[in-house]
C-alpha atoms as a PDB file:
ATOM      1  CA  MET A   1       0.008  -0.044  -0.032  1.00  0.00           C
ATOM      2  CA  LYS A   2       1.260   3.458  -0.862  1.00  0.00           C
ATOM      3  CA  SER A   3       2.212   5.901   1.894  1.00  0.00           C
ATOM      4  CA  PHE A   4       2.023   9.624   1.923  1.00  0.00           C
ATOM      5  CA  ILE A   5       3.552  12.407   3.824  1.00  0.00           C
ATOM      6  CA  LEU A   6       1.604  14.958   5.790  1.00  0.00           C
ATOM      7  CA  PHE A   7       3.262  18.319   5.712  1.00  0.00           C
ATOM      8  CA  ILE A   8       1.795  20.890   8.074  1.00  0.00           C
ATOM      9  CA  SER A   9       3.147  24.071   6.477  1.00  0.00           C
ATOM     10  CA  CYS A  10       1.914  26.571   9.006  1.00  0.00           C
ATOM     11  CA  LEU A  11       0.221  26.620  12.315  1.00  0.00           C
ATOM     12  CA  LEU A  12      -1.587  29.924  12.881  1.00  0.00           C
ATOM     13  CA  SER A  13      -3.565  30.976  15.901  1.00  0.00           C
ATOM     14  CA  THR A  14      -6.311  33.529  15.527  1.00  0.00           C
ATOM     15  CA  VAL A  15      -9.011  35.064  17.637  1.00  0.00           C
ATOM     16  CA  LEU A  16     -12.391  35.026  15.870  1.00  0.00           C
ATOM     17  CA  GLY A  17     -14.948  37.375  17.487  1.00  0.00           C
ATOM     18  CA  MET A  18     -15.479  36.707  21.187  1.00  0.00           C
ATOM     19  CA  ALA A  19     -14.599  32.990  20.918  1.00  0.00           C
ATOM     20  CA  GLN A  20     -11.011  31.990  20.963  1.00  0.00           C
ATOM     21  CA  SER A  21     -10.044  29.523  18.189  1.00  0.00           C
ATOM     22  CA  ALA A  22      -7.001  28.393  16.258  1.00  0.00           C
ATOM     23  CA  ARG A  23      -6.472  27.658  12.614  1.00  0.00           C
ATOM     24  CA  LEU A  24      -4.425  24.738  11.313  1.00  0.00           C
ATOM     25  CA  THR A  25      -3.324  24.871   7.698  1.00  0.00           C
ATOM     26  CA  GLY A  26      -1.105  22.518   5.792  1.00  0.00           C
ATOM     27  CA  ALA A  27      -0.700  20.409   2.635  1.00  0.00           C
ATOM     28  CA  VAL A  28      -0.839  16.700   1.999  1.00  0.00           C
ATOM     29  CA  THR A  29       1.534  15.193  -0.494  1.00  0.00           C
ATOM     30  CA  ASP A  30       2.715  11.737  -1.387  1.00  0.00           C
ATOM     31  CA  SER A  31       6.340  10.525  -0.831  1.00  0.00           C
ATOM     32  CA  SER A  32       7.281  12.113  -4.201  1.00  0.00           C
ATOM     33  CA  GLY A  33       5.931  15.512  -3.158  1.00  0.00           C
ATOM     34  CA  VAL A  34       2.888  15.296  -5.495  1.00  0.00           C
ATOM     35  CA  ALA A  35      -0.156  17.058  -3.934  1.00  0.00           C
ATOM     36  CA  LEU A  36      -3.044  14.777  -3.019  1.00  0.00           C
ATOM     37  CA  LYS A  37      -6.274  16.432  -4.118  1.00  0.00           C
ATOM     38  CA  GLY A  38      -9.336  15.379  -2.130  1.00  0.00           C
ATOM     39  CA  ALA A  39      -7.522  13.780   0.888  1.00  0.00           C
ATOM     40  CA  THR A  40      -9.697  13.809   4.027  1.00  0.00           C
ATOM     41  CA  VAL A  41      -8.255  15.711   6.935  1.00  0.00           C
ATOM     42  CA  SER A  42      -9.909  15.356  10.407  1.00  0.00           C
ATOM     43  CA  LEU A  43      -9.100  17.251  13.617  1.00  0.00           C
ATOM     44  CA  GLY A  44     -11.439  16.348  16.523  1.00  0.00           C
ATOM     45  CA  SER A  45     -14.984  16.690  15.258  1.00  0.00           C
ATOM     46  CA  SER A  46     -13.906  19.030  12.435  1.00  0.00           C
ATOM     47  CA  GLN A  47     -13.234  17.605   8.908  1.00  0.00           C
ATOM     48  CA  THR A  48     -12.244  18.977   5.523  1.00  0.00           C
ATOM     49  CA  VAL A  49     -10.805  17.753   2.235  1.00  0.00           C
ATOM     50  CA  THR A  50      -7.698  19.081   0.568  1.00  0.00           C
ATOM     51  CA  ASP A  51      -7.977  21.400  -2.548  1.00  0.00           C
ATOM     52  CA  THR A  52      -6.383  20.856  -5.924  1.00  0.00           C
ATOM     53  CA  ALA A  53      -2.930  21.835  -4.481  1.00  0.00           C
ATOM     54  CA  GLY A  54      -3.322  19.428  -1.578  1.00  0.00           C
ATOM     55  CA  LYS A  55      -3.856  22.294   0.825  1.00  0.00           C
ATOM     56  CA  PHE A  56      -6.317  22.360   3.784  1.00  0.00           C
ATOM     57  CA  SER A  57      -7.445  24.642   6.631  1.00  0.00           C
ATOM     58  CA  ILE A  58      -9.330  23.691   9.863  1.00  0.00           C
ATOM     59  CA  VAL A  59     -10.498  25.951  12.611  1.00  0.00           C
ATOM     60  CA  ALA A  60     -10.895  24.511  16.113  1.00  0.00           C
ATOM     61  CA  ALA A  61     -10.680  25.555  19.761  1.00  0.00           C
ATOM     62  CA  PRO A  62      -7.163  25.535  21.271  1.00  0.00           C
ATOM     63  CA  GLY A  63      -6.217  22.139  22.774  1.00  0.00           C
ATOM     64  CA  ASP A  64      -4.641  18.761  22.029  1.00  0.00           C
ATOM     65  CA  TYR A  65      -5.958  16.692  19.126  1.00  0.00           C
ATOM     66  CA  ILE A  66      -5.278  13.793  16.861  1.00  0.00           C
ATOM     67  CA  LEU A  67      -4.946  15.007  13.220  1.00  0.00           C
ATOM     68  CA  LYS A  68      -5.906  12.157  10.842  1.00  0.00           C
ATOM     69  CA  VAL A  69      -5.329  12.164   7.072  1.00  0.00           C
ATOM     70  CA  SER A  70      -6.754   9.535   4.743  1.00  0.00           C
ATOM     71  CA  TYR A  71      -6.783   9.129   1.003  1.00  0.00           C
ATOM     72  CA  LEU A  72      -8.058   6.294  -1.161  1.00  0.00           C
ATOM     73  CA  GLY A  73      -5.319   3.753  -1.974  1.00  0.00           C
ATOM     74  CA  TYR A  74      -2.941   5.094   0.714  1.00  0.00           C
ATOM     75  CA  ARG A  75      -2.366   4.217   4.309  1.00  0.00           C
ATOM     76  CA  SER A  76      -3.985   6.654   6.769  1.00  0.00           C
ATOM     77  CA  VAL A  77      -1.732   8.725   8.997  1.00  0.00           C
ATOM     78  CA  SER A  78      -2.513  10.125  12.580  1.00  0.00           C
ATOM     79  CA  GLU A  79      -0.479  12.627  14.424  1.00  0.00           C
ATOM     80  CA  ALA A  80      -0.834  14.342  17.787  1.00  0.00           C
ATOM     81  CA  VAL A  81      -1.080  18.107  17.446  1.00  0.00           C
ATOM     82  CA  ARG A  82      -1.488  20.916  19.861  1.00  0.00           C
ATOM     83  CA  LEU A  83      -3.308  24.160  18.953  1.00  0.00           C
ATOM     84  CA  PRO A  84      -2.018  26.835  21.271  1.00  0.00           C
ATOM     85  CA  ARG A  85      -4.074  29.496  23.169  1.00  0.00           C
ATOM     86  CA  VAL A  86      -3.619  33.002  22.056  1.00  0.00           C
ATOM     87  CA  ALA A  87      -3.020  35.672  24.671  1.00  0.00           C
ATOM     88  CA  PRO A  88      -5.731  38.357  24.672  1.00  0.00           C
END
């Protein structure tokens, strides 16, 4: 089974309105660096799919999560991530 590499290009924290939240953005590529369009990316109860460039963005409350990436024909990958709190 093929494997792929999860590349989290940037971890940004933002405050949206009165609620504090963090944004996790990144890109999913295979072992050759080819972007995987339509990969499923899950973070807690939030889920999205990658765009044509393999990029994704998820907004969630600060905390510890398991980031899971899956793509048809590839082995799923799970990684622990921490979304930091932003000082007011």
